[in-house]
Amino acid sequence: MIKTVELFSDDGLWNISVSAKIDTGAYRSSIDETIADSLGLEPHRYKTFKNAMGKQRRGLAYANAVIDGHDKRLELSIANRKGLRYPMIIGRKDLKDYNLDSHTM
């Protein structure tokens, strides 16, 4: 399932719309590093992730979002998603934390 996510800054200086895939196979939500850089999202910590490409160390940053009219505070993994279809995914952690159900979205 695909959703349009509105991301915005705490100070109201920027907001953008991003196409995101609801991905129940992913634990954490992720955003493309190019978008994160353009928004000035700064990692507050780093975490090592294992995936099909091996281990990757990624920054985690917070962003405010609106999905289907619900305000959310997301902790996003910043990743190179350049070759992927969608620049953002919403993982099951955020589906659970905010009572979002992929069947009703």
PDB file of N, CA and C in Angstrom:
ATOM      1  N   MET A   1       0.843  -1.171   0.000  1.00  0.00           N
ATOM      2  CA  MET A   1       0.000   0.000   0.000  1.00  0.00           C
ATOM      3  C   MET A   1       0.898   1.247   0.000  1.00  0.00           C
ATOM      4  N   ILE A   2       0.515   2.237  -0.764  1.00  0.00           N
ATOM      5  CA  ILE A   2       1.286   3.469  -0.899  1.00  0.00           C
ATOM      6  C   ILE A   2       0.507   4.620  -0.267  1.00  0.00           C
ATOM      7  N   LYS A   3       1.202   5.460   0.456  1.00  0.00           N
ATOM      8  CA  LYS A   3       0.610   6.634   1.095  1.00  0.00           C
ATOM      9  C   LYS A   3       1.434   7.865   0.774  1.00  0.00           C
ATOM     10  N   THR A   4       0.767   9.012   0.772  1.00  0.00           N
ATOM     11  CA  THR A   4       1.469  10.280   0.706  1.00  0.00           C
ATOM     12  C   THR A   4       1.676  10.743   2.140  1.00  0.00           C
ATOM     13  N   VAL A   5       2.922  11.021   2.483  1.00  0.00           N
ATOM     14  CA  VAL A   5       3.281  11.459   3.825  1.00  0.00           C
ATOM     15  C   VAL A   5       3.707  12.916   3.744  1.00  0.00           C
ATOM     16  N   GLU A   6       3.139  13.743   4.595  1.00  0.00           N
ATOM     17  CA  GLU A   6       3.553  15.137   4.710  1.00  0.00           C
ATOM     18  C   GLU A   6       4.585  15.208   5.830  1.00  0.00           C
ATOM     19  N   LEU A   7       5.784  15.653   5.518  1.00  0.00           N
ATOM     20  CA  LEU A   7       6.836  15.837   6.517  1.00  0.00           C
ATOM     21  C   LEU A   7       7.006  17.324   6.759  1.00  0.00           C
ATOM     22  N   PHE A   8       7.186  17.719   8.010  1.00  0.00           N
ATOM     23  CA  PHE A   8       7.344  19.139   8.310  1.00  0.00           C
ATOM     24  C   PHE A   8       8.271  19.338   9.498  1.00  0.00           C
ATOM     25  N   SER A   9       8.883  20.516   9.537  1.00  0.00           N
ATOM     26  CA  SER A   9       9.836  20.820  10.604  1.00  0.00           C
ATOM     27  C   SER A   9       9.119  21.341  11.847  1.00  0.00           C
ATOM     28  N   ASP A  10       9.795  21.235  12.978  1.00  0.00           N
ATOM     29  CA  ASP A  10       9.245  21.758  14.234  1.00  0.00           C
ATOM     30  C   ASP A  10       8.973  23.246  14.140  1.00  0.00           C
ATOM     31  N   ASP A  11       9.852  23.978  13.441  1.00  0.00           N
ATOM     32  CA  ASP A  11       9.733  25.436  13.373  1.00  0.00           C
ATOM     33  C   ASP A  11       8.848  25.921  12.224  1.00  0.00           C
ATOM     34  N   GLY A  12       8.328  25.006  11.421  1.00  0.00           N
ATOM     35  CA  GLY A  12       7.438  25.381  10.329  1.00  0.00           C
ATOM     36  C   GLY A  12       8.128  25.970   9.112  1.00  0.00           C
ATOM     37  N   LEU A  13       9.458  25.866   9.047  1.00  0.00           N
ATOM     38  CA  LEU A  13      10.187  26.456   7.932  1.00  0.00           C
ATOM     39  C   LEU A  13      10.098  25.626   6.654  1.00  0.00           C
ATOM     40  N   TRP A  14       9.783  24.361   6.781  1.00  0.00           N
ATOM     41  CA  TRP A  14       9.659  23.532   5.584  1.00  0.00           C
ATOM     42  C   TRP A  14       8.602  22.467   5.768  1.00  0.00           C
ATOM     43  N   ASN A  15       8.017  22.058   4.662  1.00  0.00           N
ATOM     44  CA  ASN A  15       7.190  20.858   4.616  1.00  0.00           C
ATOM     45  C   ASN A  15       7.195  20.333   3.189  1.00  0.00           C
ATOM     46  N   ILE A  16       7.144  19.025   3.061  1.00  0.00           N
ATOM     47  CA  ILE A  16       7.127  18.394   1.743  1.00  0.00           C
ATOM     48  C   ILE A  16       6.193  17.189   1.779  1.00  0.00           C
ATOM     49  N   SER A  17       5.791  16.762   0.597  1.00  0.00           N
ATOM     50  CA  SER A  17       5.012  15.532   0.438  1.00  0.00           C
ATOM     51  C   SER A  17       5.927  14.469  -0.155  1.00  0.00           C
ATOM     52  N   VAL A  18       5.873  13.271   0.412  1.00  0.00           N
ATOM     53  CA  VAL A  18       6.713  12.162  -0.032  1.00  0.00           C
ATOM     54  C   VAL A  18       5.825  10.933  -0.215  1.00  0.00           C
ATOM     55  N   SER A  19       6.034  10.201  -1.299  1.00  0.00           N
ATOM     56  CA  SER A  19       5.350   8.918  -1.482  1.00  0.00           C
ATOM     57  C   SER A  19       6.063   7.878  -0.643  1.00  0.00           C
ATOM     58  N   ALA A  20       5.298   7.148   0.154  1.00  0.00           N
ATOM     59  CA  ALA A  20       5.873   6.131   1.031  1.00  0.00           C
ATOM     60  C   ALA A  20       5.122   4.826   0.875  1.00  0.00           C
ATOM     61  N   LYS A  21       5.867   3.750   0.962  1.00  0.00           N
ATOM     62  CA  LYS A  21       5.277   2.416   0.917  1.00  0.00           C
ATOM     63  C   LYS A  21       5.079   1.929   2.345  1.00  0.00           C
ATOM     64  N   ILE A  22       3.892   1.405   2.644  1.00  0.00           N
ATOM     65  CA  ILE A  22       3.657   0.746   3.917  1.00  0.00           C
ATOM     66  C   ILE A  22       4.320  -0.624   3.794  1.00  0.00           C
ATOM     67  N   ASP A  23       5.321  -0.875   4.622  1.00  0.00           N
ATOM     68  CA  ASP A  23       6.130  -2.092   4.507  1.00  0.00           C
ATOM     69  C   ASP A  23       6.137  -2.834   5.838  1.00  0.00           C
ATOM     70  N   THR A  24       5.199  -3.774   5.985  1.00  0.00           N
ATOM     71  CA  THR A  24       5.113  -4.524   7.242  1.00  0.00           C
ATOM     72  C   THR A  24       6.278  -5.486   7.420  1.00  0.00           C
ATOM     73  N   GLY A  25       7.074  -5.698   6.376  1.00  0.00           N
ATOM     74  CA  GLY A  25       8.271  -6.528   6.483  1.00  0.00           C
ATOM     75  C   GLY A  25       9.457  -5.779   7.063  1.00  0.00           C
ATOM     76  N   ALA A  26       9.368  -4.461   7.084  1.00  0.00           N
ATOM     77  CA  ALA A  26      10.433  -3.625   7.654  1.00  0.00           C
ATOM     78  C   ALA A  26      10.033  -3.223   9.064  1.00  0.00           C
ATOM     79  N   TYR A  27      10.965  -3.325   9.991  1.00  0.00           N
ATOM     80  CA  TYR A  27      10.661  -2.921  11.364  1.00  0.00           C
ATOM     81  C   TYR A  27      10.580  -1.407  11.480  1.00  0.00           C
ATOM     82  N   ARG A  28      11.568  -0.710  10.923  1.00  0.00           N
ATOM     83  CA  ARG A  28      11.703   0.728  11.119  1.00  0.00           C
ATOM     84  C   ARG A  28      11.384   1.481   9.828  1.00  0.00           C
ATOM     85  N   SER A  29      10.868   2.676   9.959  1.00  0.00           N
ATOM     86  CA  SER A  29      10.629   3.542   8.813  1.00  0.00           C
ATOM     87  C   SER A  29      11.956   4.100   8.314  1.00  0.00           C
ATOM     88  N   SER A  30      12.015   4.384   7.030  1.00  0.00           N
ATOM     89  CA  SER A  30      13.260   4.819   6.406  1.00  0.00           C
ATOM     90  C   SER A  30      12.971   5.896   5.367  1.00  0.00           C
ATOM     91  N   ILE A  31      13.936   6.786   5.177  1.00  0.00           N
ATOM     92  CA  ILE A  31      13.810   7.846   4.183  1.00  0.00           C
ATOM     93  C   ILE A  31      15.117   7.948   3.400  1.00  0.00           C
ATOM     94  N   ASP A  32      15.001   8.337   2.145  1.00  0.00           N
ATOM     95  CA  ASP A  32      16.185   8.480   1.308  1.00  0.00           C
ATOM     96  C   ASP A  32      17.097   9.579   1.849  1.00  0.00           C
ATOM     97  N   GLU A  33      18.397   9.321   1.788  1.00  0.00           N
ATOM     98  CA  GLU A  33      19.380  10.263   2.330  1.00  0.00           C
ATOM     99  C   GLU A  33      19.354  11.616   1.618  1.00  0.00           C
ATOM    100  N   THR A  34      19.014  11.645   0.347  1.00  0.00           N
ATOM    101  CA  THR A  34      18.944  12.917  -0.381  1.00  0.00           C
ATOM    102  C   THR A  34      17.840  13.803   0.187  1.00  0.00           C
ATOM    103  N   ILE A  35      16.694  13.212   0.457  1.00  0.00           N
ATOM    104  CA  ILE A  35      15.584  13.978   1.048  1.00  0.00           C
ATOM    105  C   ILE A  35      15.947  14.417   2.457  1.00  0.00           C
ATOM    106  N   ALA A  36      16.521  13.514   3.233  1.00  0.00           N
ATOM    107  CA  ALA A  36      16.926  13.855   4.609  1.00  0.00           C
ATOM    108  C   ALA A  36      17.901  15.030   4.602  1.00  0.00           C
ATOM    109  N   ASP A  37      18.870  15.000   3.686  1.00  0.00           N
ATOM    110  CA  ASP A  37      19.830  16.101   3.585  1.00  0.00           C
ATOM    111  C   ASP A  37      19.144  17.408   3.208  1.00  0.00           C
ATOM    112  N   SER A  38      18.225  17.343   2.229  1.00  0.00           N
ATOM    113  CA  SER A  38      17.560  18.580   1.785  1.00  0.00           C
ATOM    114  C   SER A  38      16.685  19.174   2.879  1.00  0.00           C
ATOM    115  N   LEU A  39      16.190  18.328   3.784  1.00  0.00           N
ATOM    116  CA  LEU A  39      15.368  18.803   4.890  1.00  0.00           C
ATOM    117  C   LEU A  39      16.196  19.192   6.107  1.00  0.00           C
ATOM    118  N   GLY A  40      17.478  18.893   6.058  1.00  0.00           N
ATOM    119  CA  GLY A  40      18.338  19.210   7.195  1.00  0.00           C
ATOM    120  C   GLY A  40      18.118  18.282   8.380  1.00  0.00           C
ATOM    121  N   LEU A  41      17.643  17.062   8.117  1.00  0.00           N
ATOM    122  CA  LEU A  41      17.459  16.100   9.210  1.00  0.00           C
ATOM    123  C   LEU A  41      18.824  15.630   9.689  1.00  0.00           C
ATOM    124  N   GLU A  42      19.083  15.822  10.945  1.00  0.00           N
ATOM    125  CA  GLU A  42      20.362  15.453  11.547  1.00  0.00           C
ATOM    126  C   GLU A  42      20.187  14.207  12.403  1.00  0.00           C
ATOM    127  N   PRO A  43      21.034  13.202  12.196  1.00  0.00           N
ATOM    128  CA  PRO A  43      20.937  12.001  13.032  1.00  0.00           C
ATOM    129  C   PRO A  43      21.182  12.328  14.502  1.00  0.00           C
ATOM    130  N   HIS A  44      20.376  11.745  15.362  1.00  0.00           N
ATOM    131  CA  HIS A  44      20.581  11.898  16.806  1.00  0.00           C
ATOM    132  C   HIS A  44      21.333  10.698  17.359  1.00  0.00           C
ATOM    133  N   ARG A  45      21.399   9.606  16.559  1.00  0.00           N
ATOM    134  CA  ARG A  45      22.201   8.435  16.917  1.00  0.00           C
ATOM    135  C   ARG A  45      22.404   7.592  15.663  1.00  0.00           C
ATOM    136  N   TYR A  46      23.254   6.586  15.789  1.00  0.00           N
ATOM    137  CA  TYR A  46      23.549   5.691  14.668  1.00  0.00           C
ATOM    138  C   TYR A  46      23.286   4.254  15.088  1.00  0.00           C
ATOM    139  N   LYS A  47      22.916   3.437  14.107  1.00  0.00           N
ATOM    140  CA  LYS A  47      22.610   2.034  14.368  1.00  0.00           C
ATOM    141  C   LYS A  47      23.108   1.216  13.179  1.00  0.00           C
ATOM    142  N   THR A  48      23.581   0.009  13.464  1.00  0.00           N
ATOM    143  CA  THR A  48      24.009  -0.895  12.403  1.00  0.00           C
ATOM    144  C   THR A  48      22.842  -1.803  12.035  1.00  0.00           C
ATOM    145  N   PHE A  49      22.559  -1.868  10.738  1.00  0.00           N
ATOM    146  CA  PHE A  49      21.464  -2.678  10.210  1.00  0.00           C
ATOM    147  C   PHE A  49      22.032  -3.797   9.360  1.00  0.00           C
ATOM    148  N   LYS A  50      21.402  -4.953   9.424  1.00  0.00           N
ATOM    149  CA  LYS A  50      21.739  -6.074   8.544  1.00  0.00           C
ATOM    150  C   LYS A  50      20.653  -6.167   7.487  1.00  0.00           C
ATOM    151  N   ASN A  51      21.079  -6.342   6.236  1.00  0.00           N
ATOM    152  CA  ASN A  51      20.132  -6.561   5.153  1.00  0.00           C
ATOM    153  C   ASN A  51      20.800  -7.410   4.087  1.00  0.00           C
ATOM    154  N   ALA A  52      20.165  -7.543   2.943  1.00  0.00           N
ATOM    155  CA  ALA A  52      20.685  -8.391   1.863  1.00  0.00           C
ATOM    156  C   ALA A  52      22.042  -7.912   1.363  1.00  0.00           C
ATOM    157  N   MET A  53      22.371  -6.651   1.607  1.00  0.00           N
ATOM    158  CA  MET A  53      23.643  -6.094   1.141  1.00  0.00           C
ATOM    159  C   MET A  53      24.717  -6.138   2.225  1.00  0.00           C
ATOM    160  N   GLY A  54      24.426  -6.806   3.331  1.00  0.00           N
ATOM    161  CA  GLY A  54      25.385  -6.885   4.419  1.00  0.00           C
ATOM    162  C   GLY A  54      25.005  -5.977   5.569  1.00  0.00           C
ATOM    163  N   LYS A  55      26.017  -5.484   6.251  1.00  0.00           N
ATOM    164  CA  LYS A  55      25.787  -4.569   7.373  1.00  0.00           C
ATOM    165  C   LYS A  55      25.968  -3.132   6.906  1.00  0.00           C
ATOM    166  N   GLN A  56      25.091  -2.269   7.392  1.00  0.00           N
ATOM    167  CA  GLN A  56      25.177  -0.839   7.085  1.00  0.00           C
ATOM    168  C   GLN A  56      24.971  -0.046   8.364  1.00  0.00           C
ATOM    169  N   ARG A  57      25.785   0.973   8.534  1.00  0.00           N
ATOM    170  CA  ARG A  57      25.623   1.889   9.665  1.00  0.00           C
ATOM    171  C   ARG A  57      24.825   3.086   9.149  1.00  0.00           C
ATOM    172  N   ARG A  58      23.687   3.347   9.774  1.00  0.00           N
ATOM    173  CA  ARG A  58      22.808   4.426   9.329  1.00  0.00           C
ATOM    174  C   ARG A  58      22.495   5.367  10.477  1.00  0.00           C
ATOM    175  N   GLY A  59      22.270   6.610  10.109  1.00  0.00           N
ATOM    176  CA  GLY A  59      21.814   7.588  11.074  1.00  0.00           C
ATOM    177  C   GLY A  59      20.312   7.469  11.284  1.00  0.00           C
ATOM    178  N   LEU A  60      19.879   7.811  12.492  1.00  0.00           N
ATOM    179  CA  LEU A  60      18.458   7.853  12.810  1.00  0.00           C
ATOM    180  C   LEU A  60      18.102   9.291  13.163  1.00  0.00           C
ATOM    181  N   ALA A  61      17.054   9.795  12.526  1.00  0.00           N
ATOM    182  CA  ALA A  61      16.633  11.180  12.740  1.00  0.00           C
ATOM    183  C   ALA A  61      15.126  11.224  12.972  1.00  0.00           C
ATOM    184  N   TYR A  62      14.693  12.228  13.710  1.00  0.00           N
ATOM    185  CA  TYR A  62      13.271  12.423  13.953  1.00  0.00           C
ATOM    186  C   TYR A  62      12.696  13.376  12.918  1.00  0.00           C
ATOM    187  N   ALA A  63      11.449  13.119  12.543  1.00  0.00           N
ATOM    188  CA  ALA A  63      10.723  14.031  11.661  1.00  0.00           C
ATOM    189  C   ALA A  63       9.251  13.991  12.048  1.00  0.00           C
ATOM    190  N   ASN A  64       8.599  15.118  11.923  1.00  0.00           N
ATOM    191  CA  ASN A  64       7.158  15.201  12.135  1.00  0.00           C
ATOM    192  C   ASN A  64       6.475  14.819  10.833  1.00  0.00           C
ATOM    193  N   ALA A  65       5.359  14.126  10.938  1.00  0.00           N
ATOM    194  CA  ALA A  65       4.670  13.672   9.737  1.00  0.00           C
ATOM    195  C   ALA A  65       3.163  13.714   9.952  1.00  0.00           C
ATOM    196  N   VAL A  66       2.466  13.789   8.841  1.00  0.00           N
ATOM    197  CA  VAL A  66       1.014  13.614   8.832  1.00  0.00           C
ATOM    198  C   VAL A  66       0.734  12.515   7.818  1.00  0.00           C
ATOM    199  N   ILE A  67       0.073  11.453   8.294  1.00  0.00           N
ATOM    200  CA  ILE A  67      -0.319  10.341   7.436  1.00  0.00           C
ATOM    201  C   ILE A  67      -1.818  10.128   7.645  1.00  0.00           C
ATOM    202  N   ASP A  68      -2.570  10.245   6.578  1.00  0.00           N
ATOM    203  CA  ASP A  68      -4.032  10.084   6.653  1.00  0.00           C
ATOM    204  C   ASP A  68      -4.645  10.959   7.751  1.00  0.00           C
ATOM    205  N   GLY A  69      -4.162  12.169   7.891  1.00  0.00           N
ATOM    206  CA  GLY A  69      -4.706  13.102   8.868  1.00  0.00           C
ATOM    207  C   GLY A  69      -4.237  12.897  10.292  1.00  0.00           C
ATOM    208  N   HIS A  70      -3.356  11.930  10.524  1.00  0.00           N
ATOM    209  CA  HIS A  70      -2.833  11.663  11.867  1.00  0.00           C
ATOM    210  C   HIS A  70      -1.435  12.245  11.997  1.00  0.00           C
ATOM    211  N   ASP A  71      -1.237  13.086  13.024  1.00  0.00           N
ATOM    212  CA  ASP A  71       0.097  13.625  13.301  1.00  0.00           C
ATOM    213  C   ASP A  71       0.951  12.542  13.934  1.00  0.00           C
ATOM    214  N   LYS A  72       2.184  12.439  13.471  1.00  0.00           N
ATOM    215  CA  LYS A  72       3.107  11.419  13.956  1.00  0.00           C
ATOM    216  C   LYS A  72       4.490  12.025  14.165  1.00  0.00           C
ATOM    217  N   ARG A  73       5.222  11.457  15.071  1.00  0.00           N
ATOM    218  CA  ARG A  73       6.646  11.758  15.244  1.00  0.00           C
ATOM    219  C   ARG A  73       7.363  10.474  14.872  1.00  0.00           C
ATOM    220  N   LEU A  74       8.074  10.490  13.746  1.00  0.00           N
ATOM    221  CA  LEU A  74       8.732   9.299  13.239  1.00  0.00           C
ATOM    222  C   LEU A  74      10.227   9.352  13.541  1.00  0.00           C
ATOM    223  N   GLU A  75      10.786   8.206  13.880  1.00  0.00           N
ATOM    224  CA  GLU A  75      12.234   8.058  13.934  1.00  0.00           C
ATOM    225  C   GLU A  75      12.615   7.315  12.658  1.00  0.00           C
ATOM    226  N   LEU A  76      13.295   8.010  11.762  1.00  0.00           N
ATOM    227  CA  LEU A  76      13.592   7.496  10.435  1.00  0.00           C
ATOM    228  C   LEU A  76      15.032   7.054  10.303  1.00  0.00           C
ATOM    229  N   SER A  77      15.222   5.914   9.691  1.00  0.00           N
ATOM    230  CA  SER A  77      16.546   5.459   9.293  1.00  0.00           C
ATOM    231  C   SER A  77      16.876   6.187   7.985  1.00  0.00           C
ATOM    232  N   ILE A  78      18.044   6.781   7.926  1.00  0.00           N
ATOM    233  CA  ILE A  78      18.464   7.505   6.723  1.00  0.00           C
ATOM    234  C   ILE A  78      19.281   6.544   5.866  1.00  0.00           C
ATOM    235  N   ALA A  79      18.784   6.265   4.648  1.00  0.00           N
ATOM    236  CA  ALA A  79      19.402   5.252   3.803  1.00  0.00           C
ATOM    237  C   ALA A  79      19.468   5.730   2.358  1.00  0.00           C
ATOM    238  N   ASN A  80      20.343   5.104   1.595  1.00  0.00           N
ATOM    239  CA  ASN A  80      20.396   5.363   0.162  1.00  0.00           C
ATOM    240  C   ASN A  80      19.281   4.540  -0.482  1.00  0.00           C
ATOM    241  N   ARG A  81      18.205   5.190  -0.865  1.00  0.00           N
ATOM    242  CA  ARG A  81      17.062   4.534  -1.495  1.00  0.00           C
ATOM    243  C   ARG A  81      16.957   4.935  -2.965  1.00  0.00           C
ATOM    244  N   LYS A  82      18.056   5.433  -3.532  1.00  0.00           N
ATOM    245  CA  LYS A  82      18.050   5.959  -4.896  1.00  0.00           C
ATOM    246  C   LYS A  82      17.524   4.963  -5.925  1.00  0.00           C
ATOM    247  N   GLY A  83      17.910   3.715  -5.862  1.00  0.00           N
ATOM    248  CA  GLY A  83      17.490   2.734  -6.857  1.00  0.00           C
ATOM    249  C   GLY A  83      16.155   2.077  -6.550  1.00  0.00           C
ATOM    250  N   LEU A  84      15.510   2.488  -5.477  1.00  0.00           N
ATOM    251  CA  LEU A  84      14.259   1.867  -5.063  1.00  0.00           C
ATOM    252  C   LEU A  84      13.061   2.676  -5.559  1.00  0.00           C
ATOM    253  N   ARG A  85      11.935   2.035  -5.658  1.00  0.00           N
ATOM    254  CA  ARG A  85      10.736   2.659  -6.232  1.00  0.00           C
ATOM    255  C   ARG A  85      10.218   3.841  -5.407  1.00  0.00           C
ATOM    256  N   TYR A  86      10.271   3.737  -4.074  1.00  0.00           N
ATOM    257  CA  TYR A  86       9.732   4.783  -3.202  1.00  0.00           C
ATOM    258  C   TYR A  86      10.830   5.361  -2.325  1.00  0.00           C
ATOM    259  N   PRO A  87      10.836   6.681  -2.144  1.00  0.00           N
ATOM    260  CA  PRO A  87      11.888   7.311  -1.349  1.00  0.00           C
ATOM    261  C   PRO A  87      11.720   7.139   0.162  1.00  0.00           C
ATOM    262  N   MET A  88      10.594   6.539   0.557  1.00  0.00           N
ATOM    263  CA  MET A  88      10.330   6.385   1.987  1.00  0.00           C
ATOM    264  C   MET A  88       9.518   5.122   2.200  1.00  0.00           C
ATOM    265  N   ILE A  89       9.770   4.454   3.330  1.00  0.00           N
ATOM    266  CA  ILE A  89       8.907   3.355   3.750  1.00  0.00           C
ATOM    267  C   ILE A  89       8.445   3.618   5.182  1.00  0.00           C
ATOM    268  N   ILE A  90       7.259   3.143   5.472  1.00  0.00           N
ATOM    269  CA  ILE A  90       6.725   3.198   6.830  1.00  0.00           C
ATOM    270  C   ILE A  90       6.752   1.767   7.346  1.00  0.00           C
ATOM    271  N   GLY A  91       7.571   1.523   8.371  1.00  0.00           N
ATOM    272  CA  GLY A  91       7.739   0.185   8.927  1.00  0.00           C
ATOM    273  C   GLY A  91       6.720  -0.138  10.001  1.00  0.00           C
ATOM    274  N   ARG A  92       6.715  -1.393  10.398  1.00  0.00           N
ATOM    275  CA  ARG A  92       5.697  -1.859  11.343  1.00  0.00           C
ATOM    276  C   ARG A  92       5.820  -1.232  12.718  1.00  0.00           C
ATOM    277  N   LYS A  93       6.998  -0.772  13.098  1.00  0.00           N
ATOM    278  CA  LYS A  93       7.147  -0.089  14.391  1.00  0.00           C
ATOM    279  C   LYS A  93       6.228   1.126  14.439  1.00  0.00           C
ATOM    280  N   ASP A  94       6.196   1.887  13.368  1.00  0.00           N
ATOM    281  CA  ASP A  94       5.340   3.074  13.341  1.00  0.00           C
ATOM    282  C   ASP A  94       3.884   2.717  13.094  1.00  0.00           C
ATOM    283  N   LEU A  95       3.627   1.629  12.431  1.00  0.00           N
ATOM    284  CA  LEU A  95       2.250   1.171  12.278  1.00  0.00           C
ATOM    285  C   LEU A  95       1.689   0.777  13.636  1.00  0.00           C
ATOM    286  N   LYS A  96       2.508   0.097  14.440  1.00  0.00           N
ATOM    287  CA  LYS A  96       2.082  -0.342  15.771  1.00  0.00           C
ATOM    288  C   LYS A  96       2.002   0.836  16.740  1.00  0.00           C
ATOM    289  N   ASP A  97       3.058   1.651  16.770  1.00  0.00           N
ATOM    290  CA  ASP A  97       3.115   2.748  17.732  1.00  0.00           C
ATOM    291  C   ASP A  97       1.955   3.726  17.590  1.00  0.00           C
ATOM    292  N   TYR A  98       1.461   3.882  16.384  1.00  0.00           N
ATOM    293  CA  TYR A  98       0.430   4.884  16.139  1.00  0.00           C
ATOM    294  C   TYR A  98      -0.894   4.265  15.745  1.00  0.00           C
ATOM    295  N   ASN A  99      -1.040   2.966  16.048  1.00  0.00           N
ATOM    296  CA  ASN A  99      -2.270   2.262  15.760  1.00  0.00           C
ATOM    297  C   ASN A  99      -2.719   2.404  14.313  1.00  0.00           C
ATOM    298  N   LEU A 100      -1.740   2.424  13.407  1.00  0.00           N
ATOM    299  CA  LEU A 100      -2.054   2.450  11.997  1.00  0.00           C
ATOM    300  C   LEU A 100      -2.171   1.027  11.522  1.00  0.00           C
ATOM    301  N   ASP A 101      -3.199   0.727  10.824  1.00  0.00           N
ATOM    302  CA  ASP A 101      -3.418  -0.615  10.323  1.00  0.00           C
ATOM    303  C   ASP A 101      -3.327  -0.562   8.811  1.00  0.00           C
ATOM    304  N   SER A 102      -2.441  -1.350   8.225  1.00  0.00           N
ATOM    305  CA  SER A 102      -2.249  -1.312   6.788  1.00  0.00           C
ATOM    306  C   SER A 102      -3.521  -1.706   6.035  1.00  0.00           C
ATOM    307  N   HIS A 103      -4.454  -2.381   6.698  1.00  0.00           N
ATOM    308  CA  HIS A 103      -5.690  -2.752   6.021  1.00  0.00           C
ATOM    309  C   HIS A 103      -6.674  -1.582   5.970  1.00  0.00           C
ATOM    310  N   THR A 104      -6.553  -0.629   6.882  1.00  0.00           N
ATOM    311  CA  THR A 104      -7.505   0.485   6.906  1.00  0.00           C
ATOM    312  C   THR A 104      -6.927   1.748   6.301  1.00  0.00           C
ATOM    313  N   MET A 105      -5.634   1.735   5.990  1.00  0.00           N
ATOM    314  CA  MET A 105      -5.016   2.950   5.484  1.00  0.00           C
ATOM    315  C   MET A 105      -5.241   3.097   4.026  1.00  0.00           C
TER     316      MET A 105
END
